[in-house]
C-alpha atoms as a PDB file:
ATOM      1  CA  MET A   1     -38.270  25.587-120.624  1.00  0.00           C
ATOM      2  CA  ASP A   2     -40.876  27.801-122.236  1.00  0.00           C
ATOM      3  CA  ILE A   3     -44.557  26.952-122.606  1.00  0.00           C
ATOM      4  CA  LEU A   4     -44.346  25.784-126.222  1.00  0.00           C
ATOM      5  CA  GLU A   5     -41.343  23.587-125.471  1.00  0.00           C
ATOM      6  CA  LYS A   6     -43.191  22.059-122.516  1.00  0.00           C
ATOM      7  CA  ILE A   7     -46.292  21.353-124.643  1.00  0.00           C
ATOM      8  CA  GLU A   8     -44.093  19.807-127.318  1.00  0.00           C
ATOM      9  CA  LYS A   9     -42.261  17.665-124.751  1.00  0.00           C
ATOM     10  CA  LEU A  10     -45.513  16.373-123.208  1.00  0.00           C
ATOM     11  CA  ARG A  11     -47.006  15.752-126.650  1.00  0.00           C
ATOM     12  CA  LYS A  12     -43.989  13.769-127.817  1.00  0.00           C
ATOM     13  CA  GLU A  13     -43.865  11.754-124.573  1.00  0.00           C
ATOM     14  CA  ARG A  14     -47.319  10.476-125.466  1.00  0.00           C
ATOM     15  CA  GLY A  15     -46.487   9.946-129.134  1.00  0.00           C
ATOM     16  CA  TRP A  16     -49.249  12.357-130.147  1.00  0.00           C
ATOM     17  CA  SER A  17     -49.383  14.385-133.318  1.00  0.00           C
ATOM     18  CA  ILE A  18     -50.667  17.945-133.175  1.00  0.00           C
ATOM     19  CA  ASN A  19     -53.968  16.583-134.456  1.00  0.00           C
ATOM     20  CA  ASN A  20     -54.103  14.019-131.618  1.00  0.00           C
ATOM     21  CA  LEU A  21     -53.501  16.772-129.081  1.00  0.00           C
ATOM     22  CA  ALA A  22     -56.198  18.926-130.681  1.00  0.00           C
ATOM     23  CA  MET A  23     -58.716  16.084-130.455  1.00  0.00           C
ATOM     24  CA  GLU A  24     -57.795  15.201-126.854  1.00  0.00           C
ATOM     25  CA  ALA A  25     -57.899  18.878-125.810  1.00  0.00           C
ATOM     26  CA  LEU A  26     -61.161  19.505-127.675  1.00  0.00           C
ATOM     27  CA  LEU A  27     -59.477  22.270-129.675  1.00  0.00           C
ATOM     28  CA  THR A  28     -59.318  22.837-133.398  1.00  0.00           C
ATOM     29  CA  GLN A  29     -56.145  21.773-135.128  1.00  0.00           C
ATOM     30  CA  SER A  30     -55.870  25.287-136.557  1.00  0.00           C
ATOM     31  CA  THR A  31     -55.732  26.704-133.013  1.00  0.00           C
ATOM     32  CA  LEU A  32     -52.706  24.558-132.218  1.00  0.00           C
ATOM     33  CA  ASN A  33     -51.144  25.128-135.629  1.00  0.00           C
ATOM     34  CA  ASN A  34     -51.403  28.900-135.080  1.00  0.00           C
ATOM     35  CA  ILE A  35     -49.679  28.592-131.692  1.00  0.00           C
ATOM     36  CA  TYR A  36     -46.863  26.535-133.210  1.00  0.00           C
ATOM     37  CA  THR A  37     -46.522  28.603-136.398  1.00  0.00           C
ATOM     38  CA  ARG A  38     -46.607  31.986-134.701  1.00  0.00           C
ATOM     39  CA  LYS A  39     -44.650  30.683-131.701  1.00  0.00           C
ATOM     40  CA  THR A  40     -47.061  32.451-129.385  1.00  0.00           C
ATOM     41  CA  GLU A  41     -48.113  31.405-125.932  1.00  0.00           C
ATOM     42  CA  PRO A  42     -51.658  30.030-125.762  1.00  0.00           C
ATOM     43  CA  LYS A  43     -54.456  31.774-123.897  1.00  0.00           C
ATOM     44  CA  ILE A  44     -54.960  30.445-120.395  1.00  0.00           C
ATOM     45  CA  SER A  45     -58.218  28.743-121.444  1.00  0.00           C
ATOM     46  CA  THR A  46     -56.404  27.005-124.292  1.00  0.00           C
ATOM     47  CA  LEU A  47     -53.559  25.965-122.002  1.00  0.00           C
ATOM     48  CA  ARG A  48     -56.090  24.617-119.485  1.00  0.00           C
ATOM     49  CA  SER A  49     -57.643  22.481-122.258  1.00  0.00           C
ATOM     50  CA  ILE A  50     -54.204  21.225-123.244  1.00  0.00           C
ATOM     51  CA  CYS A  51     -53.392  20.372-119.627  1.00  0.00           C
ATOM     52  CA  ASN A  52     -56.696  18.507-119.301  1.00  0.00           C
ATOM     53  CA  ALA A  53     -55.761  16.468-122.360  1.00  0.00           C
ATOM     54  CA  PHE A  54     -52.436  15.583-120.736  1.00  0.00           C
ATOM     55  CA  GLY A  55     -54.195  14.722-117.486  1.00  0.00           C
ATOM     56  CA  ILE A  56     -52.385  17.398-115.487  1.00  0.00           C
ATOM     57  CA  THR A  57     -53.328  20.638-113.767  1.00  0.00           C
ATOM     58  CA  LEU A  58     -51.999  24.063-114.692  1.00  0.00           C
ATOM     59  CA  SER A  59     -49.869  24.077-111.558  1.00  0.00           C
ATOM     60  CA  GLU A  60     -48.388  20.702-112.513  1.00  0.00           C
ATOM     61  CA  PHE A  61     -47.658  22.065-115.979  1.00  0.00           C
ATOM     62  CA  PHE A  62     -45.525  24.796-114.440  1.00  0.00           C
ATOM     63  CA  THR A  63     -43.906  22.525-111.841  1.00  0.00           C
ATOM     64  CA  ASP A  64     -40.291  21.511-112.318  1.00  0.00           C
ATOM     65  CA  ASP A  65     -40.052  18.340-114.430  1.00  0.00           C
ATOM     66  CA  GLU A  66     -37.842  16.532-111.956  1.00  0.00           C
ATOM     67  CA  THR A  67     -39.842  16.701-108.774  1.00  0.00           C
ATOM     68  CA  GLU A  68     -43.334  17.398-107.638  1.00  0.00           C
ATOM     69  CA  TYR A  69     -43.732  17.485-103.872  1.00  0.00           C
ATOM     70  CA  GLY A  70     -40.681  15.227-103.630  1.00  0.00           C
ATOM     71  CA  ILE A  71     -42.151  12.635-106.009  1.00  0.00           C
ATOM     72  CA  ASN A  72     -40.967  11.970-109.530  1.00  0.00           C
ATOM     73  CA  ALA A  73     -43.305  14.004-111.773  1.00  0.00           C
ATOM     74  CA  GLU A  74     -43.176  11.437-114.566  1.00  0.00           C
ATOM     75  CA  LEU A  75     -44.499   8.773-112.207  1.00  0.00           C
ATOM     76  CA  VAL A  76     -47.319  11.073-111.125  1.00  0.00           C
ATOM     77  CA  ARG A  77     -48.237  11.820-114.750  1.00  0.00           C
ATOM     78  CA  ARG A  78     -48.257   8.138-115.657  1.00  0.00           C
ATOM     79  CA  VAL A  79     -50.445   7.167-112.709  1.00  0.00           C
ATOM     80  CA  ARG A  80     -52.903   9.950-113.537  1.00  0.00           C
ATOM     81  CA  SER A  81     -53.200   8.641-117.093  1.00  0.00           C
ATOM     82  CA  LEU A  82     -54.293   5.168-115.904  1.00  0.00           C
ATOM     83  CA  SER A  83     -57.913   4.082-116.010  1.00  0.00           C
ATOM     84  CA  ASN A  84     -59.709   3.646-112.680  1.00  0.00           C
ATOM     85  CA  GLU A  85     -59.391  -0.117-113.042  1.00  0.00           C
ATOM     86  CA  GLN A  86     -55.640   0.187-113.655  1.00  0.00           C
ATOM     87  CA  LYS A  87     -55.269   2.518-110.666  1.00  0.00           C
ATOM     88  CA  GLU A  88     -57.043  -0.012-108.443  1.00  0.00           C
ATOM     89  CA  ALA A  89     -54.779  -2.809-109.696  1.00  0.00           C
ATOM     90  CA  LEU A  90     -51.709  -0.659-109.072  1.00  0.00           C
ATOM     91  CA  LEU A  91     -52.898   0.127-105.558  1.00  0.00           C
ATOM     92  CA  ILE A  92     -53.356  -3.584-104.824  1.00  0.00           C
ATOM     93  CA  LEU A  93     -49.866  -4.250-106.162  1.00  0.00           C
ATOM     94  CA  LEU A  94     -48.331  -1.479-104.068  1.00  0.00           C
ATOM     95  CA  GLN A  95     -50.162  -2.637-100.937  1.00  0.00           C
ATOM     96  CA  SER A  96     -48.727  -6.122-101.448  1.00  0.00           C
ATOM     97  CA  ILE A  97     -45.182  -4.712-101.334  1.00  0.00           C
ATOM     98  CA  LYS A  98     -44.036  -4.420 -97.753  1.00  0.00           C
END
């Protein structure tokens, strides 16, 4: 999967428009539109901003979709997107499961 396909996949998973991604990544919509229109790979600084918006690191962006250190990457992404309060509640839930 190339970089643009991966960005598109992550964006669609969240139900975000290009404008939503631009706002979350603190980028201009024209920056993202240019990447999509010209089908060019973003600069590393732009990709870092996009990854921050998705709540992932650059290394996670380039990690295989299926596994990340033996753990389902989708699960990791979802947990990272939780608020601190939600993470605490999830931890309590998981600790209650023996």
